[in-house]
Amino acid sequence: MKSALSAGDIRSFASEKGDSDSILAVLFPDGKAIGQPYTRNRTDIRMVRVFSEDEAYGIFRRLCGKEYIFPVSDGKYHYHACLLAKPYTGYLLYSFHVKPDTYEVGVIYVHSPELRKLGIKELHLVKAIKIKK
């Protein structure tokens, strides 16, 4: 069984400019959903390992492609958002607000019926732990 997408793969995704086809390339590399299921019962919430907050935000930028990223707020928290390129409808939200005392560095909330039908609702971006030898 293949483990989560490697950080090197993610870095290359984050550095490329995207379009509607690249959304699927990021979310489904090799035809399988990115990362690992967050829990056994919630396979629509994915956990993706990254090495930095910049790398995590780079994944969001890659998903947004050439679309304009703008700040939004619900009164309590601030997010970054982008509208998805055609043929997708909806938008993505990036939250810097994560659960305290965890390795999470960001969360991408997917608000697109087309992408949710493919089985992705959220991407939790988790800082990879470096093992000392």
N, C-alpha and C. Protein backbone atom coordinates (compact mmCIF):
# COMPACT_ATOMS: atom_id res chain seq x y z
N MET A 1 0.84 -1.19 0.00
CA MET A 1 0.00 0.00 0.00
C MET A 1 0.88 1.25 0.00
N LYS A 2 0.58 2.19 -0.85
CA LYS A 2 1.39 3.39 -0.98
C LYS A 2 1.04 4.36 0.15
N SER A 3 2.05 4.97 0.75
CA SER A 3 1.82 5.93 1.82
C SER A 3 1.44 7.29 1.24
N ALA A 4 1.35 8.27 2.12
CA ALA A 4 0.97 9.62 1.71
C ALA A 4 1.95 10.15 0.68
N LEU A 5 1.50 11.10 -0.10
CA LEU A 5 2.32 11.73 -1.12
C LEU A 5 3.57 12.31 -0.46
N SER A 6 4.70 12.11 -1.04
CA SER A 6 5.95 12.59 -0.44
C SER A 6 6.04 14.11 -0.54
N ALA A 7 6.80 14.67 0.37
CA ALA A 7 6.95 16.12 0.40
C ALA A 7 7.59 16.64 -0.88
N GLY A 8 8.48 15.87 -1.49
CA GLY A 8 9.09 16.29 -2.75
C GLY A 8 8.06 16.43 -3.85
N ASP A 9 7.12 15.47 -3.91
CA ASP A 9 6.04 15.55 -4.89
C ASP A 9 5.18 16.78 -4.65
N ILE A 10 4.89 17.05 -3.37
CA ILE A 10 4.05 18.19 -3.03
C ILE A 10 4.74 19.48 -3.41
N ARG A 11 6.05 19.58 -3.14
CA ARG A 11 6.77 20.79 -3.49
C ARG A 11 6.70 21.06 -4.98
N SER A 12 6.79 20.02 -5.79
CA SER A 12 6.72 20.24 -7.23
C SER A 12 5.32 20.67 -7.64
N PHE A 13 4.28 20.14 -6.97
CA PHE A 13 2.92 20.59 -7.26
C PHE A 13 2.77 22.06 -6.89
N ALA A 14 3.29 22.45 -5.74
CA ALA A 14 3.10 23.80 -5.25
C ALA A 14 3.82 24.83 -6.10
N SER A 15 4.85 24.44 -6.83
CA SER A 15 5.62 25.40 -7.61
C SER A 15 5.09 25.60 -9.02
N GLU A 16 4.20 24.73 -9.47
CA GLU A 16 3.69 24.85 -10.83
C GLU A 16 2.46 25.74 -10.88
N LYS A 17 2.23 26.37 -12.03
CA LYS A 17 1.01 27.12 -12.22
C LYS A 17 -0.09 26.15 -12.59
N GLY A 18 -1.31 26.46 -12.14
CA GLY A 18 -2.36 25.47 -12.33
C GLY A 18 -3.49 25.93 -13.21
N ASP A 19 -4.34 25.01 -13.59
CA ASP A 19 -5.59 25.26 -14.28
C ASP A 19 -6.55 24.18 -13.84
N SER A 20 -7.67 24.06 -14.52
CA SER A 20 -8.68 23.09 -14.08
C SER A 20 -8.16 21.66 -14.13
N ASP A 21 -7.32 21.32 -15.10
CA ASP A 21 -6.76 19.97 -15.17
C ASP A 21 -5.78 19.70 -14.04
N SER A 22 -5.06 20.75 -13.62
CA SER A 22 -4.07 20.55 -12.58
C SER A 22 -4.71 20.32 -11.22
N ILE A 23 -5.95 20.74 -11.04
CA ILE A 23 -6.65 20.47 -9.78
C ILE A 23 -6.72 18.97 -9.56
N LEU A 24 -7.09 18.23 -10.59
CA LEU A 24 -7.15 16.77 -10.47
C LEU A 24 -5.76 16.18 -10.30
N ALA A 25 -4.75 16.78 -10.93
CA ALA A 25 -3.38 16.29 -10.78
C ALA A 25 -2.89 16.44 -9.34
N VAL A 26 -3.30 17.50 -8.67
CA VAL A 26 -2.91 17.71 -7.28
C VAL A 26 -3.72 16.80 -6.35
N LEU A 27 -5.03 16.76 -6.55
CA LEU A 27 -5.90 16.01 -5.64
C LEU A 27 -5.83 14.50 -5.85
N PHE A 28 -5.51 14.08 -7.08
CA PHE A 28 -5.48 12.65 -7.40
C PHE A 28 -4.21 12.26 -8.15
N PRO A 29 -3.03 12.42 -7.52
CA PRO A 29 -1.81 11.99 -8.20
C PRO A 29 -1.85 10.47 -8.38
N ASP A 30 -1.44 10.00 -9.51
CA ASP A 30 -1.46 8.57 -9.83
C ASP A 30 -2.86 7.97 -9.75
N GLY A 31 -3.89 8.81 -9.88
CA GLY A 31 -5.26 8.31 -9.87
C GLY A 31 -5.83 8.01 -8.50
N LYS A 32 -5.05 8.25 -7.44
CA LYS A 32 -5.52 8.00 -6.07
C LYS A 32 -5.58 9.32 -5.32
N ALA A 33 -6.49 9.42 -4.37
CA ALA A 33 -6.65 10.65 -3.60
C ALA A 33 -5.36 10.99 -2.86
N ILE A 34 -5.06 12.28 -2.80
CA ILE A 34 -3.85 12.78 -2.16
C ILE A 34 -3.84 12.40 -0.67
N GLY A 35 -2.66 12.17 -0.15
CA GLY A 35 -2.49 11.92 1.28
C GLY A 35 -3.12 10.63 1.76
N GLN A 36 -3.56 10.67 3.01
CA GLN A 36 -4.19 9.52 3.64
C GLN A 36 -5.52 9.94 4.22
N PRO A 37 -6.44 8.99 4.41
CA PRO A 37 -7.70 9.34 5.08
C PRO A 37 -7.40 9.84 6.49
N TYR A 38 -8.13 10.85 6.92
CA TYR A 38 -7.94 11.41 8.26
C TYR A 38 -8.32 10.38 9.31
N THR A 39 -9.43 9.68 9.07
CA THR A 39 -9.83 8.54 9.90
C THR A 39 -10.39 7.46 8.98
N ARG A 40 -10.56 6.29 9.53
CA ARG A 40 -11.09 5.18 8.73
C ARG A 40 -12.51 5.47 8.26
N ASN A 41 -13.28 6.18 9.06
CA ASN A 41 -14.68 6.45 8.72
C ASN A 41 -14.86 7.72 7.90
N ARG A 42 -13.86 8.58 7.85
CA ARG A 42 -13.97 9.85 7.12
C ARG A 42 -12.92 9.92 6.02
N THR A 43 -13.12 9.14 4.98
CA THR A 43 -12.15 9.12 3.88
C THR A 43 -12.22 10.38 3.03
N ASP A 44 -13.29 11.20 3.18
CA ASP A 44 -13.41 12.44 2.43
C ASP A 44 -12.57 13.56 3.04
N ILE A 45 -12.08 13.36 4.25
CA ILE A 45 -11.15 14.29 4.88
C ILE A 45 -9.77 13.67 4.77
N ARG A 46 -8.86 14.37 4.09
CA ARG A 46 -7.53 13.82 3.80
C ARG A 46 -6.46 14.51 4.63
N MET A 47 -5.44 13.77 5.02
CA MET A 47 -4.29 14.29 5.75
C MET A 47 -3.09 14.26 4.80
N VAL A 48 -2.47 15.41 4.62
CA VAL A 48 -1.33 15.53 3.72
C VAL A 48 -0.14 16.05 4.52
N ARG A 49 0.97 15.35 4.46
CA ARG A 49 2.17 15.76 5.19
C ARG A 49 2.96 16.80 4.39
N VAL A 50 3.38 17.85 5.09
CA VAL A 50 4.19 18.91 4.49
C VAL A 50 5.35 19.23 5.44
N PHE A 51 6.36 19.93 4.94
CA PHE A 51 7.50 20.28 5.78
C PHE A 51 7.43 21.70 6.32
N SER A 52 6.53 22.54 5.79
CA SER A 52 6.46 23.91 6.27
C SER A 52 5.08 24.51 5.98
N GLU A 53 4.82 25.65 6.62
CA GLU A 53 3.58 26.37 6.35
C GLU A 53 3.58 26.90 4.91
N ASP A 54 4.75 27.30 4.43
CA ASP A 54 4.84 27.79 3.05
C ASP A 54 4.47 26.69 2.06
N GLU A 55 4.93 25.49 2.31
CA GLU A 55 4.61 24.37 1.44
C GLU A 55 3.11 24.09 1.47
N ALA A 56 2.51 24.17 2.67
CA ALA A 56 1.07 23.95 2.81
C ALA A 56 0.29 24.99 2.01
N TYR A 57 0.68 26.25 2.15
CA TYR A 57 -0.01 27.31 1.42
C TYR A 57 0.23 27.18 -0.08
N GLY A 58 1.39 26.66 -0.46
CA GLY A 58 1.70 26.43 -1.87
C GLY A 58 0.74 25.44 -2.51
N ILE A 59 0.31 24.44 -1.75
CA ILE A 59 -0.67 23.49 -2.28
C ILE A 59 -1.98 24.21 -2.56
N PHE A 60 -2.40 25.08 -1.65
CA PHE A 60 -3.61 25.87 -1.87
C PHE A 60 -3.47 26.74 -3.12
N ARG A 61 -2.33 27.41 -3.25
CA ARG A 61 -2.10 28.25 -4.44
C ARG A 61 -2.13 27.43 -5.71
N ARG A 62 -1.59 26.24 -5.66
CA ARG A 62 -1.58 25.34 -6.83
C ARG A 62 -2.99 24.95 -7.22
N LEU A 63 -3.82 24.66 -6.21
CA LEU A 63 -5.22 24.31 -6.49
C LEU A 63 -5.98 25.50 -7.07
N CYS A 64 -5.65 26.70 -6.61
CA CYS A 64 -6.33 27.90 -7.12
C CYS A 64 -5.87 28.26 -8.52
N GLY A 65 -4.66 27.88 -8.88
CA GLY A 65 -4.15 28.17 -10.21
C GLY A 65 -4.03 29.66 -10.44
N LYS A 66 -4.56 30.12 -11.55
CA LYS A 66 -4.44 31.52 -11.93
C LYS A 66 -5.58 32.37 -11.35
N GLU A 67 -6.46 31.73 -10.61
CA GLU A 67 -7.59 32.46 -10.03
C GLU A 67 -7.10 33.39 -8.91
N TYR A 68 -7.83 34.48 -8.72
CA TYR A 68 -7.49 35.48 -7.72
C TYR A 68 -7.76 34.93 -6.32
N ILE A 69 -6.80 35.05 -5.42
CA ILE A 69 -6.96 34.65 -4.02
C ILE A 69 -7.28 35.90 -3.22
N PHE A 70 -8.33 35.83 -2.40
CA PHE A 70 -8.76 36.99 -1.64
C PHE A 70 -9.07 36.61 -0.19
N PRO A 71 -8.93 37.58 0.74
CA PRO A 71 -9.21 37.30 2.15
C PRO A 71 -10.71 37.34 2.42
N VAL A 72 -11.17 36.48 3.32
CA VAL A 72 -12.55 36.49 3.79
C VAL A 72 -12.54 36.25 5.29
N SER A 73 -13.63 36.63 5.95
CA SER A 73 -13.74 36.44 7.38
C SER A 73 -15.16 36.09 7.74
N ASP A 74 -15.32 35.23 8.74
CA ASP A 74 -16.66 34.91 9.22
C ASP A 74 -16.95 35.64 10.53
N GLY A 75 -16.13 36.63 10.86
CA GLY A 75 -16.28 37.38 12.08
C GLY A 75 -15.42 36.83 13.21
N LYS A 76 -15.11 35.56 13.15
CA LYS A 76 -14.28 34.92 14.17
C LYS A 76 -12.90 34.57 13.63
N TYR A 77 -12.86 34.02 12.43
CA TYR A 77 -11.61 33.58 11.82
C TYR A 77 -11.43 34.21 10.45
N HIS A 78 -10.17 34.32 10.05
CA HIS A 78 -9.83 34.84 8.73
C HIS A 78 -9.37 33.68 7.84
N TYR A 79 -9.76 33.74 6.58
CA TYR A 79 -9.43 32.70 5.61
C TYR A 79 -8.90 33.35 4.35
N HIS A 80 -8.29 32.55 3.49
CA HIS A 80 -8.00 32.94 2.12
C HIS A 80 -8.89 32.09 1.25
N ALA A 81 -9.43 32.67 0.19
CA ALA A 81 -10.38 31.95 -0.67
C ALA A 81 -10.05 32.18 -2.13
N CYS A 82 -10.52 31.25 -2.96
CA CYS A 82 -10.44 31.43 -4.40
C CYS A 82 -11.61 30.71 -5.05
N LEU A 83 -12.09 31.29 -6.13
CA LEU A 83 -13.11 30.63 -6.93
C LEU A 83 -12.42 29.63 -7.84
N LEU A 84 -13.05 28.50 -8.07
CA LEU A 84 -12.43 27.47 -8.89
C LEU A 84 -12.60 27.77 -10.37
N ALA A 85 -11.62 27.34 -11.15
CA ALA A 85 -11.66 27.51 -12.61
C ALA A 85 -12.68 26.55 -13.21
N LYS A 86 -13.26 26.96 -14.34
CA LYS A 86 -14.20 26.08 -15.05
C LYS A 86 -13.47 24.82 -15.48
N PRO A 87 -14.04 23.69 -15.45
CA PRO A 87 -15.45 23.34 -15.39
C PRO A 87 -16.00 23.18 -13.98
N TYR A 88 -15.20 23.49 -12.95
CA TYR A 88 -15.66 23.32 -11.58
C TYR A 88 -16.42 24.55 -11.12
N THR A 89 -17.32 24.34 -10.19
CA THR A 89 -18.03 25.45 -9.56
C THR A 89 -17.67 25.43 -8.09
N GLY A 90 -17.88 26.54 -7.43
CA GLY A 90 -17.60 26.62 -6.01
C GLY A 90 -16.28 27.31 -5.73
N TYR A 91 -15.78 27.06 -4.53
CA TYR A 91 -14.58 27.76 -4.09
C TYR A 91 -13.81 26.92 -3.08
N LEU A 92 -12.59 27.36 -2.79
CA LEU A 92 -11.74 26.74 -1.78
C LEU A 92 -11.46 27.77 -0.69
N LEU A 93 -11.39 27.32 0.54
CA LEU A 93 -11.00 28.18 1.66
C LEU A 93 -9.74 27.60 2.30
N TYR A 94 -8.78 28.47 2.60
CA TYR A 94 -7.58 28.05 3.32
C TYR A 94 -7.63 28.69 4.69
N SER A 95 -7.52 27.87 5.73
CA SER A 95 -7.54 28.37 7.10
C SER A 95 -6.19 28.17 7.75
N PHE A 96 -5.69 29.24 8.36
CA PHE A 96 -4.48 29.15 9.16
C PHE A 96 -4.83 28.73 10.58
N HIS A 97 -6.12 28.83 10.93
CA HIS A 97 -6.57 28.47 12.27
C HIS A 97 -6.70 26.95 12.36
N VAL A 98 -5.89 26.34 13.19
CA VAL A 98 -5.89 24.89 13.34
C VAL A 98 -6.03 24.53 14.81
N LYS A 99 -6.28 23.26 15.06
CA LYS A 99 -6.41 22.78 16.44
C LYS A 99 -5.09 23.01 17.17
N PRO A 100 -5.15 23.58 18.40
CA PRO A 100 -3.91 23.80 19.14
C PRO A 100 -3.27 22.47 19.56
N ASP A 101 -1.97 22.52 19.78
CA ASP A 101 -1.18 21.36 20.23
C ASP A 101 -1.25 20.18 19.27
N THR A 102 -1.33 20.48 17.98
CA THR A 102 -1.27 19.44 16.96
C THR A 102 -0.19 19.84 15.95
N TYR A 103 0.08 18.98 15.01
CA TYR A 103 1.06 19.28 13.98
C TYR A 103 0.42 19.91 12.75
N GLU A 104 -0.87 20.19 12.80
CA GLU A 104 -1.54 20.81 11.65
C GLU A 104 -1.02 22.22 11.44
N VAL A 105 -0.80 22.58 10.17
CA VAL A 105 -0.36 23.93 9.84
C VAL A 105 -1.40 24.68 9.01
N GLY A 106 -2.38 23.99 8.48
CA GLY A 106 -3.43 24.63 7.70
C GLY A 106 -4.48 23.61 7.28
N VAL A 107 -5.63 24.13 6.88
CA VAL A 107 -6.72 23.28 6.39
C VAL A 107 -7.29 23.92 5.14
N ILE A 108 -7.50 23.11 4.11
CA ILE A 108 -8.17 23.56 2.90
C ILE A 108 -9.57 22.96 2.89
N TYR A 109 -10.59 23.83 2.91
CA TYR A 109 -11.98 23.39 2.86
C TYR A 109 -12.47 23.46 1.42
N VAL A 110 -13.00 22.38 0.92
CA VAL A 110 -13.46 22.29 -0.46
C VAL A 110 -14.97 22.51 -0.50
N HIS A 111 -15.38 23.59 -1.16
CA HIS A 111 -16.80 23.90 -1.33
C HIS A 111 -17.13 23.84 -2.82
N SER A 112 -17.04 22.64 -3.36
CA SER A 112 -17.32 22.41 -4.77
C SER A 112 -18.07 21.10 -4.91
N PRO A 113 -19.29 21.12 -5.46
CA PRO A 113 -20.04 19.87 -5.60
C PRO A 113 -19.31 18.84 -6.44
N GLU A 114 -18.61 19.28 -7.49
CA GLU A 114 -17.91 18.34 -8.37
C GLU A 114 -16.76 17.63 -7.64
N LEU A 115 -15.99 18.39 -6.86
CA LEU A 115 -14.86 17.80 -6.15
C LEU A 115 -15.32 16.97 -4.95
N ARG A 116 -16.41 17.39 -4.33
CA ARG A 116 -16.95 16.59 -3.21
C ARG A 116 -17.48 15.26 -3.71
N LYS A 117 -18.06 15.25 -4.91
CA LYS A 117 -18.52 13.97 -5.49
C LYS A 117 -17.36 13.02 -5.73
N LEU A 118 -16.18 13.58 -5.96
CA LEU A 118 -14.98 12.75 -6.16
C LEU A 118 -14.40 12.26 -4.83
N GLY A 119 -14.96 12.76 -3.72
CA GLY A 119 -14.56 12.23 -2.42
C GLY A 119 -13.60 13.06 -1.60
N ILE A 120 -13.51 14.37 -1.88
CA ILE A 120 -12.62 15.22 -1.08
C ILE A 120 -13.41 16.41 -0.55
N LYS A 121 -13.46 16.50 0.77
CA LYS A 121 -14.18 17.58 1.45
C LYS A 121 -13.21 18.55 2.13
N GLU A 122 -12.14 18.01 2.72
CA GLU A 122 -11.14 18.83 3.41
C GLU A 122 -9.76 18.21 3.22
N LEU A 123 -8.75 19.08 3.23
CA LEU A 123 -7.36 18.64 3.26
C LEU A 123 -6.72 19.22 4.51
N HIS A 124 -6.33 18.38 5.44
CA HIS A 124 -5.63 18.82 6.64
C HIS A 124 -4.14 18.69 6.37
N LEU A 125 -3.45 19.81 6.41
CA LEU A 125 -2.03 19.86 6.09
C LEU A 125 -1.25 19.74 7.39
N VAL A 126 -0.52 18.65 7.53
CA VAL A 126 0.13 18.29 8.79
C VAL A 126 1.64 18.33 8.61
N LYS A 127 2.32 18.97 9.56
CA LYS A 127 3.77 19.07 9.48
C LYS A 127 4.41 17.70 9.70
N ALA A 128 5.28 17.32 8.78
CA ALA A 128 5.97 16.04 8.87
C ALA A 128 7.00 16.10 10.00
N ILE A 129 7.12 15.01 10.71
CA ILE A 129 8.07 14.92 11.80
C ILE A 129 9.38 14.36 11.25
N LYS A 130 10.46 15.08 11.50
CA LYS A 130 11.77 14.62 11.05
C LYS A 130 12.37 13.73 12.13
N ILE A 131 12.72 12.52 11.76
CA ILE A 131 13.29 11.58 12.71
C ILE A 131 14.80 11.75 12.74
N LYS A 132 15.34 11.96 13.94
CA LYS A 132 16.79 12.13 14.09
C LYS A 132 17.43 10.76 14.14
N LYS A 133 18.54 10.63 13.43
CA LYS A 133 19.26 9.34 13.41
C LYS A 133 20.40 9.35 14.39
